[in-house]
Amino acid sequence: DENNGKITLKGFSIHHQELKKIFERWQKLIQQIQSAEEYYNQRTNKNIQFLLRTIHRLHPKNPTYWKPYCNSLVKLINQKYDNYVQKFKNRTNDKLKSLLDICIQNQTQDFRKDIIDCTNDYMKAETFSDDVELLKTTALNDCISITTFNDILSLLSGKITSIQCVV
């Protein structure tokens, strides 16, 4: 891009003034969307950090399997966090696309309330706590699979002479 992202227009000054106003409204809309994304990231991250602190505070009586389980759960939580942030970003991009034409046509429209309402509605509908139980179960299954696999490897290598199944 030889103009470094700049638009050069030749025409009447009234057109330049109107395009400048449209551009300013567009910039304001972009800033409001970015602000909503930052707010969502901060709130979600705060909830995730609280959950992770709670997990790390637990000290079970038999810590042998706790660390692999905890590591698996933390990994899944971080992946889910990334997924939530990306979904919200996609939603705000869709919202931005729907508001661009209105932004260009309507000088008096303020989108701040629309964006705040959209963010709050999304945060109510997509709560991270809904997925915590599923993540805990998945982490437990992963931990059991890894532990069972390691036990089988140990048995095959001669380190374990017998397996006792306790029900």
Protein backbone atom coordinates (compact mmCIF):
# COMPACT_ATOMS: atom_id res chain seq x y z
CA ASP A 1 0.00 0.00 0.00
CA GLU A 2 1.79 3.10 -1.21
CA ASN A 3 -0.50 5.55 0.64
CA ASN A 4 -0.12 3.79 4.01
CA GLY A 5 -3.85 3.32 4.49
CA LYS A 6 -4.77 6.89 3.59
CA ILE A 7 -7.69 7.79 1.37
CA THR A 8 -7.18 10.68 -1.00
CA LEU A 9 -10.29 12.28 -2.46
CA LYS A 10 -10.62 15.10 -4.91
CA GLY A 11 -13.87 16.99 -4.90
CA PHE A 12 -15.87 19.69 -3.24
CA SER A 13 -15.02 20.75 0.29
CA ILE A 14 -18.57 19.96 1.45
CA HIS A 15 -17.95 16.33 0.48
CA HIS A 16 -14.66 16.32 2.39
CA GLN A 17 -16.37 17.70 5.47
CA GLU A 18 -19.16 15.13 5.32
CA LEU A 19 -16.72 12.25 4.76
CA LYS A 20 -14.64 13.49 7.68
CA LYS A 21 -17.75 13.44 9.91
CA ILE A 22 -18.60 9.92 8.75
CA PHE A 23 -15.04 8.80 9.44
CA GLU A 24 -15.16 10.31 12.94
CA ARG A 25 -18.44 8.50 13.69
CA TRP A 26 -16.95 5.28 12.35
CA GLN A 27 -13.85 5.70 14.57
CA LYS A 28 -16.06 6.31 17.60
CA LEU A 29 -18.06 3.17 16.82
CA ILE A 30 -14.85 1.12 16.49
CA GLN A 31 -13.59 2.49 19.82
CA GLN A 32 -16.86 1.56 21.52
CA ILE A 33 -16.66 -1.99 20.13
CA GLN A 34 -13.03 -2.31 21.27
CA SER A 35 -13.99 -1.02 24.70
CA ALA A 36 -16.74 -3.66 24.95
CA GLU A 37 -14.25 -6.38 23.96
CA GLU A 38 -11.76 -5.19 26.59
CA TYR A 39 -14.50 -5.10 29.23
CA TYR A 40 -15.62 -8.62 28.33
CA ASN A 41 -12.02 -9.90 28.42
CA GLN A 42 -11.40 -8.32 31.82
CA ARG A 43 -14.61 -9.66 33.37
CA THR A 44 -14.14 -13.15 31.97
CA ASN A 45 -10.47 -13.20 32.93
CA LYS A 46 -11.37 -12.11 36.47
CA ASN A 47 -13.81 -15.01 36.77
CA ILE A 48 -11.25 -17.45 35.36
CA GLN A 49 -8.54 -16.24 37.75
CA PHE A 50 -10.91 -16.69 40.70
CA LEU A 51 -11.67 -20.24 39.55
CA LEU A 52 -7.96 -21.05 39.08
CA ARG A 53 -7.08 -19.67 42.53
CA THR A 54 -9.79 -21.86 44.03
CA ILE A 55 -8.43 -24.93 42.24
CA HIS A 56 -4.87 -24.28 43.38
CA ARG A 57 -5.95 -23.73 47.01
CA LEU A 58 -7.34 -27.25 47.28
CA HIS A 59 -5.03 -29.77 48.92
CA PRO A 60 -6.45 -33.29 48.74
CA LYS A 61 -5.37 -36.03 51.15
CA ASN A 62 -3.97 -38.10 48.29
CA PRO A 63 -2.18 -35.63 45.99
CA THR A 64 -0.76 -38.30 43.65
CA TYR A 65 -3.40 -37.83 40.98
CA TRP A 66 -4.35 -34.27 41.87
CA LYS A 67 -1.50 -32.58 40.01
CA PRO A 68 -2.18 -34.27 36.61
CA TYR A 69 -5.91 -33.62 37.08
CA CYS A 70 -5.28 -30.00 38.04
CA ASN A 71 -2.94 -29.46 35.08
CA SER A 72 -5.48 -30.94 32.70
CA LEU A 73 -8.29 -28.84 34.16
CA VAL A 74 -6.25 -25.62 33.98
CA LYS A 75 -5.38 -26.35 30.34
CA LEU A 76 -9.04 -26.96 29.48
CA ILE A 77 -10.13 -23.81 31.31
CA ASN A 78 -7.60 -21.70 29.42
CA GLN A 79 -8.71 -23.21 26.10
CA LYS A 80 -12.35 -22.51 26.95
CA TYR A 81 -11.46 -18.94 27.93
CA ASP A 82 -9.80 -18.41 24.54
CA ASN A 83 -12.88 -19.89 22.88
CA TYR A 84 -15.23 -17.55 24.79
CA VAL A 85 -13.14 -14.49 23.94
CA GLN A 86 -13.07 -15.45 20.25
CA LYS A 87 -16.83 -16.06 20.18
CA PHE A 88 -17.45 -12.66 21.74
CA LYS A 89 -15.07 -11.01 19.28
CA ASN A 90 -16.95 -12.65 16.39
CA ARG A 91 -20.23 -11.41 17.84
CA THR A 92 -18.95 -7.84 18.18
CA ASN A 93 -17.64 -7.96 14.61
CA ASP A 94 -21.09 -9.02 13.43
CA LYS A 95 -22.63 -6.21 15.49
CA LEU A 96 -20.14 -3.75 13.99
CA LYS A 97 -21.07 -4.82 10.46
CA SER A 98 -24.76 -4.36 11.22
CA LEU A 99 -24.15 -0.85 12.62
CA LEU A 100 -21.84 0.50 9.92
CA ASP A 101 -24.59 1.52 7.48
CA ILE A 102 -26.53 3.21 10.28
CA CYS A 103 -23.32 4.95 11.35
CA ILE A 104 -22.80 6.33 7.85
CA GLN A 105 -26.41 7.43 7.34
CA ASN A 106 -27.36 8.73 10.77
CA GLN A 107 -25.37 11.57 12.32
CA THR A 108 -27.18 11.57 15.63
CA GLN A 109 -27.15 7.84 16.40
CA ASP A 110 -25.21 6.90 19.55
CA PHE A 111 -24.35 3.22 19.63
CA ARG A 112 -22.93 3.13 23.14
CA LYS A 113 -26.15 1.86 24.74
CA ASP A 114 -26.68 -0.74 21.99
CA ILE A 115 -23.15 -2.07 22.46
CA ILE A 116 -23.42 -2.13 26.26
CA ASP A 117 -26.76 -3.96 26.06
CA CYS A 118 -25.34 -6.43 23.55
CA THR A 119 -22.32 -7.08 25.81
CA ASN A 120 -24.45 -7.53 28.94
CA ASP A 121 -26.90 -9.83 27.15
CA TYR A 122 -24.03 -11.95 25.88
CA MET A 123 -22.44 -12.15 29.33
CA LYS A 124 -25.74 -13.30 30.84
CA ALA A 125 -26.36 -15.89 28.12
CA GLU A 126 -22.80 -17.23 27.87
CA THR A 127 -21.60 -17.74 31.41
CA PHE A 128 -18.37 -19.62 31.90
CA SER A 129 -19.76 -21.32 34.99
CA ASP A 130 -22.11 -23.34 32.76
CA ASP A 131 -19.10 -25.18 31.33
CA VAL A 132 -17.14 -25.77 34.53
CA GLU A 133 -18.77 -29.14 35.35
CA LEU A 134 -18.15 -30.39 31.82
CA LEU A 135 -14.52 -29.23 32.00
CA LYS A 136 -14.07 -30.98 35.36
CA THR A 137 -15.46 -34.22 33.92
CA THR A 138 -13.30 -33.96 30.81
CA ALA A 139 -10.20 -33.30 32.91
CA LEU A 140 -11.00 -36.30 35.10
CA ASN A 141 -11.44 -38.53 32.04
CA ASP A 142 -8.15 -37.25 30.60
CA CYS A 143 -6.39 -37.88 33.90
CA ILE A 144 -7.81 -41.41 34.15
CA SER A 145 -6.78 -42.18 30.56
CA ILE A 146 -3.23 -40.92 31.11
CA THR A 147 -2.88 -42.71 34.45
CA THR A 148 -4.23 -45.98 33.02
CA PHE A 149 -1.92 -45.69 30.01
CA ASN A 150 1.08 -45.04 32.28
CA ASP A 151 0.13 -48.03 34.48
CA ILE A 152 -0.05 -50.27 31.40
CA LEU A 153 3.35 -49.03 30.22
CA SER A 154 4.81 -49.68 33.66
CA LEU A 155 3.29 -53.19 33.70
CA LEU A 156 4.71 -53.94 30.27
CA SER A 157 8.14 -52.71 31.27
CA GLY A 158 8.12 -55.00 34.32
CA LYS A 159 7.86 -52.33 37.00
CA ILE A 160 4.44 -53.52 38.16
CA THR A 161 4.02 -57.21 38.92
CA SER A 162 0.25 -57.16 39.46
CA ILE A 163 -2.71 -54.82 39.26
CA GLN A 164 -5.26 -54.82 42.05
CA CYS A 165 -8.72 -53.56 41.22
CA VAL A 166 -10.54 -52.08 44.22
CA VAL A 167 -14.23 -51.40 43.90
